[in-house]
N, C-alpha and C. Protein backbone atom coordinates (compact mmCIF):
# COMPACT_ATOMS: atom_id res chain seq x y z
N UNK A 1 -10.69 -8.63 -7.21
CA UNK A 1 -10.04 -9.30 -6.10
C UNK A 1 -9.82 -8.34 -4.95
N UNK A 2 -10.00 -8.82 -3.72
CA UNK A 2 -9.84 -7.99 -2.55
C UNK A 2 -8.38 -7.73 -2.21
N UNK A 3 -8.20 -6.70 -1.38
CA UNK A 3 -6.85 -6.37 -0.94
C UNK A 3 -6.91 -5.54 0.35
N UNK A 4 -5.79 -5.56 1.07
CA UNK A 4 -5.64 -4.79 2.30
C UNK A 4 -4.53 -3.78 2.11
N UNK A 5 -4.84 -2.51 2.34
CA UNK A 5 -3.83 -1.45 2.26
C UNK A 5 -3.88 -0.63 3.54
N UNK A 6 -2.84 0.16 3.75
CA UNK A 6 -2.77 1.05 4.90
C UNK A 6 -1.91 2.24 4.56
N UNK A 7 -2.05 3.28 5.34
CA UNK A 7 -1.11 4.40 5.29
C UNK A 7 -1.09 5.03 6.67
N UNK A 8 0.00 5.77 6.94
CA UNK A 8 0.16 6.40 8.25
C UNK A 8 0.46 7.88 8.04
N UNK A 9 -0.28 8.72 8.76
CA UNK A 9 -0.03 10.16 8.74
C UNK A 9 0.48 10.60 10.10
N UNK A 10 1.62 11.28 10.10
CA UNK A 10 2.20 11.86 11.31
C UNK A 10 1.51 13.22 11.48
N UNK A 11 0.46 13.24 12.26
CA UNK A 11 -0.36 14.44 12.41
C UNK A 11 0.42 15.54 13.14
N UNK A 12 1.31 15.17 14.04
CA UNK A 12 2.10 16.16 14.78
C UNK A 12 3.01 16.95 13.83
N UNK A 13 3.54 16.29 12.82
CA UNK A 13 4.44 16.95 11.87
C UNK A 13 3.69 17.44 10.63
N UNK A 14 2.46 16.97 10.44
CA UNK A 14 1.69 17.38 9.28
C UNK A 14 2.19 16.77 7.99
N UNK A 15 2.63 15.50 8.05
CA UNK A 15 3.15 14.85 6.84
C UNK A 15 3.01 13.33 6.95
N UNK A 16 3.20 12.62 5.83
CA UNK A 16 3.18 11.15 5.89
C UNK A 16 4.28 10.64 6.81
N UNK A 17 4.02 9.51 7.45
CA UNK A 17 4.99 8.88 8.36
C UNK A 17 5.88 7.94 7.57
N UNK A 18 6.98 8.46 7.07
CA UNK A 18 7.94 7.68 6.29
C UNK A 18 8.79 6.81 7.20
N UNK A 19 8.93 5.52 6.85
CA UNK A 19 9.83 4.64 7.58
C UNK A 19 9.24 3.99 8.82
N UNK A 20 7.92 3.96 8.96
CA UNK A 20 7.33 3.28 10.11
C UNK A 20 7.19 1.79 9.82
N UNK A 21 7.64 0.96 10.74
CA UNK A 21 7.49 -0.49 10.62
C UNK A 21 6.06 -0.88 10.99
N UNK A 22 5.53 -1.85 10.25
CA UNK A 22 4.18 -2.36 10.48
C UNK A 22 4.23 -3.87 10.34
N UNK A 23 3.60 -4.59 11.26
CA UNK A 23 3.48 -6.04 11.16
C UNK A 23 2.03 -6.41 10.93
N UNK A 24 1.82 -7.52 10.25
CA UNK A 24 0.47 -8.02 9.99
C UNK A 24 0.35 -9.44 10.49
N UNK A 25 -0.72 -9.70 11.24
CA UNK A 25 -1.02 -11.04 11.74
C UNK A 25 -2.48 -11.38 11.43
N UNK A 26 -2.72 -12.67 11.26
CA UNK A 26 -4.08 -13.19 11.16
C UNK A 26 -4.35 -14.00 12.41
N UNK A 27 -5.62 -14.20 12.73
CA UNK A 27 -6.01 -15.00 13.88
C UNK A 27 -6.91 -16.13 13.42
N UNK A 28 -7.07 -17.11 14.27
CA UNK A 28 -7.90 -18.31 13.98
C UNK A 28 -7.29 -19.19 12.90
N UNK A 29 -6.12 -19.71 13.01
CA UNK A 29 -5.16 -19.57 14.10
C UNK A 29 -4.28 -18.33 13.89
N UNK A 30 -3.52 -17.98 14.92
CA UNK A 30 -2.64 -16.83 14.82
C UNK A 30 -1.47 -17.16 13.89
N UNK A 31 -1.29 -16.30 12.90
CA UNK A 31 -0.24 -16.50 11.90
C UNK A 31 0.40 -15.15 11.58
N UNK A 32 1.72 -15.08 11.64
CA UNK A 32 2.46 -13.88 11.24
C UNK A 32 2.47 -13.83 9.71
N UNK A 33 2.01 -12.73 9.13
CA UNK A 33 1.89 -12.63 7.68
C UNK A 33 2.92 -11.72 7.03
N UNK A 34 3.56 -10.86 7.81
CA UNK A 34 4.58 -10.03 7.18
C UNK A 34 4.93 -8.80 7.98
N UNK A 35 6.08 -8.24 7.61
CA UNK A 35 6.57 -6.98 8.19
C UNK A 35 6.82 -6.04 7.03
N UNK A 36 6.39 -4.81 7.20
CA UNK A 36 6.47 -3.82 6.13
C UNK A 36 7.03 -2.52 6.67
N UNK A 37 7.38 -1.62 5.77
CA UNK A 37 7.81 -0.28 6.16
C UNK A 37 7.15 0.73 5.22
N UNK A 38 6.67 1.82 5.80
CA UNK A 38 6.01 2.83 4.98
C UNK A 38 7.02 3.57 4.11
N UNK A 39 6.56 3.97 2.93
CA UNK A 39 7.41 4.71 2.00
C UNK A 39 7.30 6.22 2.26
N UNK A 40 7.83 7.03 1.35
CA UNK A 40 7.83 8.49 1.53
C UNK A 40 6.43 9.07 1.60
N UNK A 41 5.45 8.37 1.06
CA UNK A 41 4.06 8.82 1.10
C UNK A 41 3.31 8.25 2.30
N UNK A 42 4.02 7.54 3.20
CA UNK A 42 3.39 6.95 4.38
C UNK A 42 2.59 5.70 4.07
N UNK A 43 2.77 5.16 2.87
CA UNK A 43 2.02 3.97 2.42
C UNK A 43 2.97 2.79 2.23
N UNK A 44 2.41 1.63 2.01
CA UNK A 44 3.20 0.47 1.64
C UNK A 44 3.35 0.48 0.12
N UNK A 45 4.43 -0.09 -0.38
CA UNK A 45 4.66 -0.12 -1.82
C UNK A 45 3.69 -1.03 -2.56
N UNK A 46 3.10 -1.96 -1.83
CA UNK A 46 2.14 -2.91 -2.41
C UNK A 46 1.14 -3.25 -1.31
N UNK A 47 -0.02 -3.81 -1.66
CA UNK A 47 -0.96 -4.22 -0.62
C UNK A 47 -0.32 -5.17 0.39
N UNK A 48 -0.71 -5.05 1.63
CA UNK A 48 -0.20 -5.94 2.68
C UNK A 48 -0.75 -7.35 2.51
N UNK A 49 -1.89 -7.45 1.87
CA UNK A 49 -2.55 -8.74 1.67
C UNK A 49 -3.41 -8.63 0.42
N UNK A 50 -3.31 -9.63 -0.46
CA UNK A 50 -4.12 -9.64 -1.67
C UNK A 50 -4.13 -11.04 -2.28
N UNK A 51 -4.89 -11.21 -3.31
CA UNK A 51 -4.94 -12.49 -4.01
C UNK A 51 -5.51 -13.59 -3.15
N UNK A 52 -4.98 -14.79 -3.33
CA UNK A 52 -5.49 -15.96 -2.61
C UNK A 52 -5.29 -15.83 -1.09
N UNK A 53 -4.30 -15.06 -0.66
CA UNK A 53 -4.05 -14.88 0.77
C UNK A 53 -5.08 -13.98 1.44
N UNK A 54 -5.80 -13.20 0.65
CA UNK A 54 -6.79 -12.27 1.19
C UNK A 54 -8.12 -13.00 1.35
N UNK A 55 -8.47 -13.28 2.59
CA UNK A 55 -9.71 -14.01 2.84
C UNK A 55 -10.35 -13.53 4.14
N UNK A 56 -11.63 -13.80 4.31
CA UNK A 56 -12.32 -13.36 5.52
C UNK A 56 -11.63 -13.89 6.78
N UNK A 57 -11.69 -13.09 7.83
CA UNK A 57 -11.10 -13.47 9.10
C UNK A 57 -10.79 -12.26 9.95
N UNK A 58 -10.12 -12.51 11.07
CA UNK A 58 -9.69 -11.45 11.97
C UNK A 58 -8.21 -11.19 11.79
N UNK A 59 -7.83 -9.93 11.77
CA UNK A 59 -6.46 -9.52 11.49
C UNK A 59 -6.02 -8.44 12.46
N UNK A 60 -4.69 -8.23 12.50
CA UNK A 60 -4.13 -7.16 13.30
C UNK A 60 -2.98 -6.52 12.53
N UNK A 61 -3.02 -5.20 12.44
CA UNK A 61 -1.87 -4.42 12.00
C UNK A 61 -1.23 -3.87 13.26
N UNK A 62 0.07 -4.06 13.41
CA UNK A 62 0.80 -3.58 14.59
C UNK A 62 1.76 -2.49 14.13
N UNK A 63 1.46 -1.25 14.48
CA UNK A 63 2.23 -0.09 14.05
C UNK A 63 3.31 0.22 15.10
N UNK A 64 4.56 0.34 14.68
CA UNK A 64 5.70 0.61 15.57
C UNK A 64 5.87 2.13 15.74
N UNK A 65 4.95 2.72 16.46
CA UNK A 65 4.88 4.16 16.63
C UNK A 65 6.04 4.69 17.48
N UNK A 66 6.34 4.04 18.58
CA UNK A 66 7.41 4.51 19.47
C UNK A 66 8.75 4.60 18.77
N UNK A 67 9.12 3.58 18.02
CA UNK A 67 10.40 3.58 17.30
C UNK A 67 10.42 4.66 16.22
N UNK A 68 9.27 4.85 15.56
CA UNK A 68 9.17 5.89 14.53
C UNK A 68 9.47 7.27 15.11
N UNK A 69 8.79 7.62 16.21
CA UNK A 69 8.99 8.94 16.81
C UNK A 69 10.37 9.06 17.46
N UNK A 70 10.89 8.00 18.05
CA UNK A 70 12.24 8.04 18.65
C UNK A 70 13.29 8.32 17.58
N UNK A 71 13.12 7.75 16.39
CA UNK A 71 14.07 7.99 15.29
C UNK A 71 14.03 9.43 14.82
N UNK A 72 12.98 10.16 15.15
CA UNK A 72 12.85 11.56 14.77
C UNK A 72 13.13 12.49 15.95
N UNK A 73 13.72 11.94 16.99
CA UNK A 73 14.07 12.70 18.20
C UNK A 73 12.89 13.43 18.81
N UNK A 74 11.70 12.86 18.70
CA UNK A 74 10.51 13.45 19.32
C UNK A 74 10.53 13.19 20.81
N UNK A 75 10.06 14.15 21.57
CA UNK A 75 9.96 14.00 23.02
C UNK A 75 8.71 13.17 23.30
N UNK A 76 8.91 11.87 23.54
CA UNK A 76 7.79 10.95 23.70
C UNK A 76 7.69 10.36 25.09
N UNK A 77 8.63 10.71 25.97
CA UNK A 77 8.66 10.13 27.30
C UNK A 77 9.51 8.88 27.32
N UNK A 78 9.82 8.43 28.52
CA UNK A 78 10.64 7.23 28.67
C UNK A 78 10.04 6.38 29.78
N UNK A 79 9.35 5.32 29.49
CA UNK A 79 9.11 4.79 28.15
C UNK A 79 8.11 5.67 27.39
N UNK A 80 8.05 5.50 26.05
CA UNK A 80 7.13 6.34 25.28
C UNK A 80 5.67 6.07 25.65
N UNK A 81 4.86 7.12 25.59
CA UNK A 81 3.44 6.96 25.90
C UNK A 81 2.80 5.96 24.94
N UNK A 82 3.06 6.10 23.64
CA UNK A 82 2.61 5.12 22.65
C UNK A 82 3.83 4.40 22.10
N UNK A 83 3.81 3.10 22.10
CA UNK A 83 4.93 2.33 21.56
C UNK A 83 4.44 1.49 20.39
N UNK A 84 3.78 0.39 20.67
CA UNK A 84 3.20 -0.46 19.63
C UNK A 84 1.69 -0.23 19.63
N UNK A 85 1.15 0.15 18.49
CA UNK A 85 -0.28 0.43 18.38
C UNK A 85 -0.93 -0.69 17.56
N UNK A 86 -1.71 -1.56 18.22
CA UNK A 86 -2.40 -2.62 17.48
C UNK A 86 -3.76 -2.15 16.99
N UNK A 87 -4.07 -2.50 15.76
CA UNK A 87 -5.40 -2.24 15.21
C UNK A 87 -5.95 -3.59 14.75
N UNK A 88 -6.94 -4.10 15.48
CA UNK A 88 -7.57 -5.39 15.13
C UNK A 88 -8.86 -5.11 14.40
N UNK A 89 -9.08 -5.87 13.34
CA UNK A 89 -10.25 -5.64 12.50
C UNK A 89 -10.64 -6.94 11.82
N UNK A 90 -11.83 -6.95 11.27
CA UNK A 90 -12.33 -8.13 10.58
C UNK A 90 -12.54 -7.86 9.10
N UNK A 91 -12.31 -8.89 8.32
CA UNK A 91 -12.58 -8.87 6.89
C UNK A 91 -13.68 -9.89 6.64
N UNK A 92 -14.77 -9.44 6.01
CA UNK A 92 -15.86 -10.38 5.73
C UNK A 92 -16.18 -10.49 4.24
N UNK A 93 -15.50 -9.73 3.40
CA UNK A 93 -15.76 -9.76 1.96
C UNK A 93 -14.44 -9.92 1.22
N UNK A 94 -14.18 -11.09 0.69
CA UNK A 94 -12.91 -11.39 0.02
C UNK A 94 -12.73 -10.63 -1.28
N UNK A 95 -13.76 -9.94 -1.75
CA UNK A 95 -13.65 -9.18 -2.99
C UNK A 95 -13.54 -7.67 -2.77
N UNK A 96 -13.53 -7.23 -1.51
CA UNK A 96 -13.52 -5.80 -1.21
C UNK A 96 -12.12 -5.27 -0.96
N UNK A 97 -11.98 -3.96 -1.04
CA UNK A 97 -10.75 -3.27 -0.68
C UNK A 97 -10.91 -2.78 0.76
N UNK A 98 -10.06 -3.25 1.63
CA UNK A 98 -10.03 -2.81 3.02
C UNK A 98 -8.81 -1.91 3.18
N UNK A 99 -9.05 -0.66 3.55
CA UNK A 99 -7.97 0.30 3.77
C UNK A 99 -8.04 0.72 5.23
N UNK A 100 -6.95 0.50 5.98
CA UNK A 100 -6.91 0.77 7.41
C UNK A 100 -5.81 1.79 7.69
N UNK A 101 -6.14 3.08 7.67
CA UNK A 101 -5.13 4.11 7.92
C UNK A 101 -4.94 4.37 9.42
N UNK A 102 -3.80 4.97 9.74
CA UNK A 102 -3.52 5.39 11.12
C UNK A 102 -3.10 6.85 11.08
N UNK A 103 -3.75 7.67 11.88
CA UNK A 103 -3.36 9.06 12.10
C UNK A 103 -2.77 9.09 13.49
N UNK A 104 -1.52 9.60 13.62
CA UNK A 104 -0.82 9.41 14.88
C UNK A 104 0.02 10.62 15.28
N UNK A 105 0.12 10.82 16.58
CA UNK A 105 1.06 11.75 17.20
C UNK A 105 1.76 10.94 18.30
N UNK A 106 2.75 11.50 18.97
CA UNK A 106 3.35 10.75 20.08
C UNK A 106 2.37 10.49 21.22
N UNK A 107 1.21 11.17 21.22
CA UNK A 107 0.29 11.11 22.36
C UNK A 107 -1.11 10.61 22.01
N UNK A 108 -1.39 10.38 20.73
CA UNK A 108 -2.74 9.97 20.36
C UNK A 108 -2.73 9.30 18.99
N UNK A 109 -3.83 8.57 18.71
CA UNK A 109 -3.99 8.00 17.39
C UNK A 109 -5.47 7.79 17.09
N UNK A 110 -5.77 7.66 15.80
CA UNK A 110 -7.12 7.36 15.34
C UNK A 110 -7.01 6.50 14.10
N UNK A 111 -8.03 5.70 13.88
CA UNK A 111 -8.09 4.86 12.69
C UNK A 111 -9.53 4.78 12.22
N UNK A 112 -9.73 4.28 11.02
CA UNK A 112 -11.06 4.12 10.45
C UNK A 112 -10.95 3.20 9.24
N UNK A 113 -12.08 2.76 8.73
CA UNK A 113 -12.04 2.00 7.48
C UNK A 113 -12.14 2.99 6.33
N UNK A 114 -11.06 3.11 5.61
CA UNK A 114 -11.02 4.04 4.50
C UNK A 114 -11.38 3.37 3.21
N UNK A 115 -11.10 4.05 2.12
CA UNK A 115 -11.41 3.51 0.80
C UNK A 115 -10.22 3.63 -0.13
């Protein structure tokens, strides 16, 4: 069975991003699917999507980067340079594992399809 997972690395600090809020939405039609928070390892405690809910379509993970860095007293500017970071992606195989990580600093981010 397929599943969607994510993790966040705070590249500026060189460690997992503990306590970052993440929202998940589906499109066609747009549906809010959940709000999560990363654990001490920068991961979710369970897949964001799995089982019957995991199906082909377009999705968005919305990472609350600005609030994460503000809670750590990082100098991010006012308003912060990065606040909400959306990552939109497609799922075309309901039996695959889709892993969408975020590597982030207050000034930059990168993502990729992981395993």
